[in-house]
Amino acid sequence: MASISDEQFRQVVEQTFKLLSFQYNIDLQPGSPLRLFLKSAINAIMCGEHDVFLSKVPDNKANGFYSRFLDTAIGKLYLSVPRDRNSIFCPEIIPNKYVRNDESFSNLLQSLIINGYSDSSLRNTLKALGLSYSQSDLDI
């Protein structure tokens, strides 16, 4: 069976994403329904996971939430991560504590670089999505 290269895969993902966002008129600005849905879904999954975790550790209790952002291909999401009194709960749905972006964000950056975006075009595109990047992100 033939497989495609990483670059070809990124191009397919980028083209599909553009086509679907155009076809369904998806707004990716902060506060858009798609971003609000994704944020709500991730927060709800983390709360469900937290409840299951606490049911298995009877000497531990819920202890509110902490705020965290996550850079994704559709923009920055501000999440409310549940915490516990013993500080041992770590949600599986989001990257580790000190990672601030997911794989889709890295794929987006790589696609923009591969497609020849200049530094200024790259900054403008990421700014429009509410995303930031550092020079180390570009050293792929």
C-alpha atoms as a PDB file:
ATOM      1  CA  MET A   1       0.000   0.000   0.000  1.00  0.00           C
ATOM      2  CA  ALA A   2       1.381   3.438  -0.954  1.00  0.00           C
ATOM      3  CA  SER A   3       1.567   6.151   1.669  1.00  0.00           C
ATOM      4  CA  ILE A   4       1.831   9.895   1.332  1.00  0.00           C
ATOM      5  CA  SER A   5       4.562  12.111   2.728  1.00  0.00           C
ATOM      6  CA  ASP A   6       4.110  14.369   5.760  1.00  0.00           C
ATOM      7  CA  GLU A   7       4.168  17.396   3.471  1.00  0.00           C
ATOM      8  CA  GLN A   8       1.435  15.951   1.244  1.00  0.00           C
ATOM      9  CA  PHE A   9      -0.625  15.136   4.322  1.00  0.00           C
ATOM     10  CA  ARG A  10      -0.260  18.704   5.646  1.00  0.00           C
ATOM     11  CA  GLN A  11      -1.345  20.072   2.279  1.00  0.00           C
ATOM     12  CA  VAL A  12      -4.410  17.839   2.241  1.00  0.00           C
ATOM     13  CA  VAL A  13      -5.310  18.920   5.789  1.00  0.00           C
ATOM     14  CA  GLU A  14      -4.823  22.610   4.958  1.00  0.00           C
ATOM     15  CA  GLN A  15      -6.836  22.413   1.732  1.00  0.00           C
ATOM     16  CA  THR A  16      -9.610  20.463   3.446  1.00  0.00           C
ATOM     17  CA  PHE A  17      -9.721  22.930   6.328  1.00  0.00           C
ATOM     18  CA  LYS A  18      -9.943  25.897   3.925  1.00  0.00           C
ATOM     19  CA  LEU A  19     -12.627  24.192   1.826  1.00  0.00           C
ATOM     20  CA  LEU A  20     -14.784  23.257   4.816  1.00  0.00           C
ATOM     21  CA  SER A  21     -14.456  26.676   6.450  1.00  0.00           C
ATOM     22  CA  PHE A  22     -15.501  28.294   3.146  1.00  0.00           C
ATOM     23  CA  GLN A  23     -18.238  25.744   2.391  1.00  0.00           C
ATOM     24  CA  TYR A  24     -19.844  26.003   5.822  1.00  0.00           C
ATOM     25  CA  ASN A  25     -18.967  29.677   6.350  1.00  0.00           C
ATOM     26  CA  ILE A  26     -17.156  28.880   9.596  1.00  0.00           C
ATOM     27  CA  ASP A  27     -16.020  31.926  11.524  1.00  0.00           C
ATOM     28  CA  LEU A  28     -12.798  31.289  13.443  1.00  0.00           C
ATOM     29  CA  GLN A  29     -12.686  34.611  15.274  1.00  0.00           C
ATOM     30  CA  PRO A  30     -12.727  34.637  19.097  1.00  0.00           C
ATOM     31  CA  GLY A  31     -16.277  34.045  20.289  1.00  0.00           C
ATOM     32  CA  SER A  32     -17.324  32.199  17.123  1.00  0.00           C
ATOM     33  CA  PRO A  33     -19.770  29.304  17.629  1.00  0.00           C
ATOM     34  CA  LEU A  34     -17.200  26.705  16.533  1.00  0.00           C
ATOM     35  CA  ARG A  35     -14.563  27.910  18.999  1.00  0.00           C
ATOM     36  CA  LEU A  36     -17.138  28.217  21.794  1.00  0.00           C
ATOM     37  CA  PHE A  37     -18.343  24.677  21.076  1.00  0.00           C
ATOM     38  CA  LEU A  38     -14.796  23.275  21.108  1.00  0.00           C
ATOM     39  CA  LYS A  39     -13.978  25.101  24.359  1.00  0.00           C
ATOM     40  CA  SER A  40     -17.201  23.854  25.996  1.00  0.00           C
ATOM     41  CA  ALA A  41     -16.631  20.296  24.784  1.00  0.00           C
ATOM     42  CA  ILE A  42     -13.055  20.166  26.112  1.00  0.00           C
ATOM     43  CA  ASN A  43     -14.105  21.695  29.451  1.00  0.00           C
ATOM     44  CA  ALA A  44     -16.983  19.196  29.789  1.00  0.00           C
ATOM     45  CA  ILE A  45     -14.747  16.228  28.976  1.00  0.00           C
ATOM     46  CA  MET A  46     -12.176  17.396  31.554  1.00  0.00           C
ATOM     47  CA  CYS A  47     -14.918  17.703  34.199  1.00  0.00           C
ATOM     48  CA  GLY A  48     -16.190  14.196  33.426  1.00  0.00           C
ATOM     49  CA  GLU A  49     -12.660  12.829  33.582  1.00  0.00           C
ATOM     50  CA  HIS A  50     -12.135  14.683  36.890  1.00  0.00           C
ATOM     51  CA  ASP A  51     -15.305  13.141  38.369  1.00  0.00           C
ATOM     52  CA  VAL A  52     -14.170   9.633  37.412  1.00  0.00           C
ATOM     53  CA  PHE A  53     -10.687  10.314  38.814  1.00  0.00           C
ATOM     54  CA  LEU A  54     -12.087  11.545  42.152  1.00  0.00           C
ATOM     55  CA  SER A  55     -14.423   8.544  42.439  1.00  0.00           C
ATOM     56  CA  LYS A  56     -11.359   6.280  42.356  1.00  0.00           C
ATOM     57  CA  VAL A  57      -9.415   8.273  44.971  1.00  0.00           C
ATOM     58  CA  PRO A  58     -11.747   8.608  47.991  1.00  0.00           C
ATOM     59  CA  ASP A  59      -9.328  10.620  50.170  1.00  0.00           C
ATOM     60  CA  ASN A  60      -9.070  13.378  47.528  1.00  0.00           C
ATOM     61  CA  LYS A  61     -11.594  16.164  46.802  1.00  0.00           C
ATOM     62  CA  ALA A  62     -12.284  18.692  44.059  1.00  0.00           C
ATOM     63  CA  ASN A  63     -10.578  22.042  44.517  1.00  0.00           C
ATOM     64  CA  GLY A  64     -11.963  24.405  41.882  1.00  0.00           C
ATOM     65  CA  PHE A  65     -10.409  25.231  38.532  1.00  0.00           C
ATOM     66  CA  TYR A  66      -7.398  26.988  37.085  1.00  0.00           C
ATOM     67  CA  SER A  67      -7.293  28.883  33.800  1.00  0.00           C
ATOM     68  CA  ARG A  68      -5.151  27.714  30.947  1.00  0.00           C
ATOM     69  CA  PHE A  69      -4.886  28.545  27.272  1.00  0.00           C
ATOM     70  CA  LEU A  70      -4.279  26.131  24.446  1.00  0.00           C
ATOM     71  CA  ASP A  71      -3.206  27.143  20.941  1.00  0.00           C
ATOM     72  CA  THR A  72      -4.962  25.082  18.275  1.00  0.00           C
ATOM     73  CA  ALA A  73      -5.270  25.316  14.501  1.00  0.00           C
ATOM     74  CA  ILE A  74      -8.545  27.218  14.933  1.00  0.00           C
ATOM     75  CA  GLY A  75      -7.151  29.684  17.452  1.00  0.00           C
ATOM     76  CA  LYS A  76      -6.407  30.143  21.126  1.00  0.00           C
ATOM     77  CA  LEU A  77      -8.822  28.456  23.516  1.00  0.00           C
ATOM     78  CA  TYR A  78      -9.121  29.590  27.123  1.00  0.00           C
ATOM     79  CA  LEU A  79      -9.932  26.565  29.253  1.00  0.00           C
ATOM     80  CA  SER A  80     -10.975  25.962  32.877  1.00  0.00           C
ATOM     81  CA  VAL A  81      -9.030  22.941  34.093  1.00  0.00           C
ATOM     82  CA  PRO A  82     -10.432  21.163  37.187  1.00  0.00           C
ATOM     83  CA  ARG A  83      -8.010  20.551  40.012  1.00  0.00           C
ATOM     84  CA  ASP A  84      -7.943  18.421  43.133  1.00  0.00           C
ATOM     85  CA  ARG A  85      -6.669  19.061  46.651  1.00  0.00           C
ATOM     86  CA  ASN A  86      -3.709  16.717  46.242  1.00  0.00           C
ATOM     87  CA  SER A  87      -2.705  18.315  42.898  1.00  0.00           C
ATOM     88  CA  ILE A  88      -2.353  14.975  41.131  1.00  0.00           C
ATOM     89  CA  PHE A  89      -5.151  15.168  38.536  1.00  0.00           C
ATOM     90  CA  CYS A  90      -3.918  15.705  34.980  1.00  0.00           C
ATOM     91  CA  PRO A  91      -6.518  15.673  32.167  1.00  0.00           C
ATOM     92  CA  GLU A  92      -5.728  13.355  29.274  1.00  0.00           C
ATOM     93  CA  ILE A  93      -7.525  15.436  26.624  1.00  0.00           C
ATOM     94  CA  ILE A  94      -5.066  18.340  26.711  1.00  0.00           C
ATOM     95  CA  PRO A  95      -1.259  18.327  26.426  1.00  0.00           C
ATOM     96  CA  ASN A  96       0.930  18.206  29.527  1.00  0.00           C
ATOM     97  CA  LYS A  97       0.927  21.103  31.954  1.00  0.00           C
ATOM     98  CA  TYR A  98       3.648  23.216  30.346  1.00  0.00           C
ATOM     99  CA  VAL A  99       2.785  22.547  26.696  1.00  0.00           C
ATOM    100  CA  ARG A 100       0.647  25.391  25.379  1.00  0.00           C
ATOM    101  CA  ASN A 101      -0.246  24.107  21.938  1.00  0.00           C
ATOM    102  CA  ASP A 102      -1.528  20.923  20.431  1.00  0.00           C
ATOM    103  CA  GLU A 103      -0.361  18.964  17.413  1.00  0.00           C
ATOM    104  CA  SER A 104      -2.774  20.802  15.104  1.00  0.00           C
ATOM    105  CA  PHE A 105      -1.037  24.096  15.950  1.00  0.00           C
ATOM    106  CA  SER A 106       2.372  22.625  15.054  1.00  0.00           C
ATOM    107  CA  ASN A 107       0.917  21.218  11.834  1.00  0.00           C
ATOM    108  CA  LEU A 108      -0.567  24.614  10.986  1.00  0.00           C
ATOM    109  CA  LEU A 109       2.803  26.339  11.509  1.00  0.00           C
ATOM    110  CA  GLN A 110       4.583  23.754   9.389  1.00  0.00           C
ATOM    111  CA  SER A 111       2.005  24.106   6.618  1.00  0.00           C
ATOM    112  CA  LEU A 112       2.368  27.884   6.555  1.00  0.00           C
ATOM    113  CA  ILE A 113       6.157  27.650   6.435  1.00  0.00           C
ATOM    114  CA  ILE A 114       6.153  24.926   3.771  1.00  0.00           C
ATOM    115  CA  ASN A 115       3.755  26.961   1.634  1.00  0.00           C
ATOM    116  CA  GLY A 116       6.226  29.827   1.603  1.00  0.00           C
ATOM    117  CA  TYR A 117       4.559  32.292   3.937  1.00  0.00           C
ATOM    118  CA  SER A 118       6.893  35.170   4.725  1.00  0.00           C
ATOM    119  CA  ASP A 119       7.496  36.118   8.366  1.00  0.00           C
ATOM    120  CA  SER A 120       5.086  39.043   8.071  1.00  0.00           C
ATOM    121  CA  SER A 121       2.384  36.917   6.362  1.00  0.00           C
ATOM    122  CA  LEU A 122       2.872  34.257   9.020  1.00  0.00           C
ATOM    123  CA  ARG A 123       2.499  36.806  11.829  1.00  0.00           C
ATOM    124  CA  ASN A 124      -0.619  38.317  10.213  1.00  0.00           C
ATOM    125  CA  THR A 125      -2.265  34.918   9.741  1.00  0.00           C
ATOM    126  CA  LEU A 126      -1.541  33.824  13.307  1.00  0.00           C
ATOM    127  CA  LYS A 127      -2.645  37.214  14.670  1.00  0.00           C
ATOM    128  CA  ALA A 128      -5.954  36.898  12.805  1.00  0.00           C
ATOM    129  CA  LEU A 129      -6.473  33.542  14.548  1.00  0.00           C
ATOM    130  CA  GLY A 130      -5.473  34.989  17.935  1.00  0.00           C
ATOM    131  CA  LEU A 131      -2.332  32.823  18.057  1.00  0.00           C
ATOM    132  CA  SER A 132       1.234  33.692  18.908  1.00  0.00           C
ATOM    133  CA  TYR A 133       4.514  31.991  18.147  1.00  0.00           C
ATOM    134  CA  SER A 134       8.136  32.239  19.103  1.00  0.00           C
ATOM    135  CA  GLN A 135      11.207  31.913  16.919  1.00  0.00           C
ATOM    136  CA  SER A 136      11.787  28.459  18.403  1.00  0.00           C
ATOM    137  CA  ASP A 137       8.402  27.374  17.002  1.00  0.00           C
ATOM    138  CA  LEU A 138       9.675  28.208  13.529  1.00  0.00           C
ATOM    139  CA  ASP A 139      12.876  26.189  13.883  1.00  0.00           C
ATOM    140  CA  ILE A 140      11.212  23.032  12.638  1.00  0.00           C
END
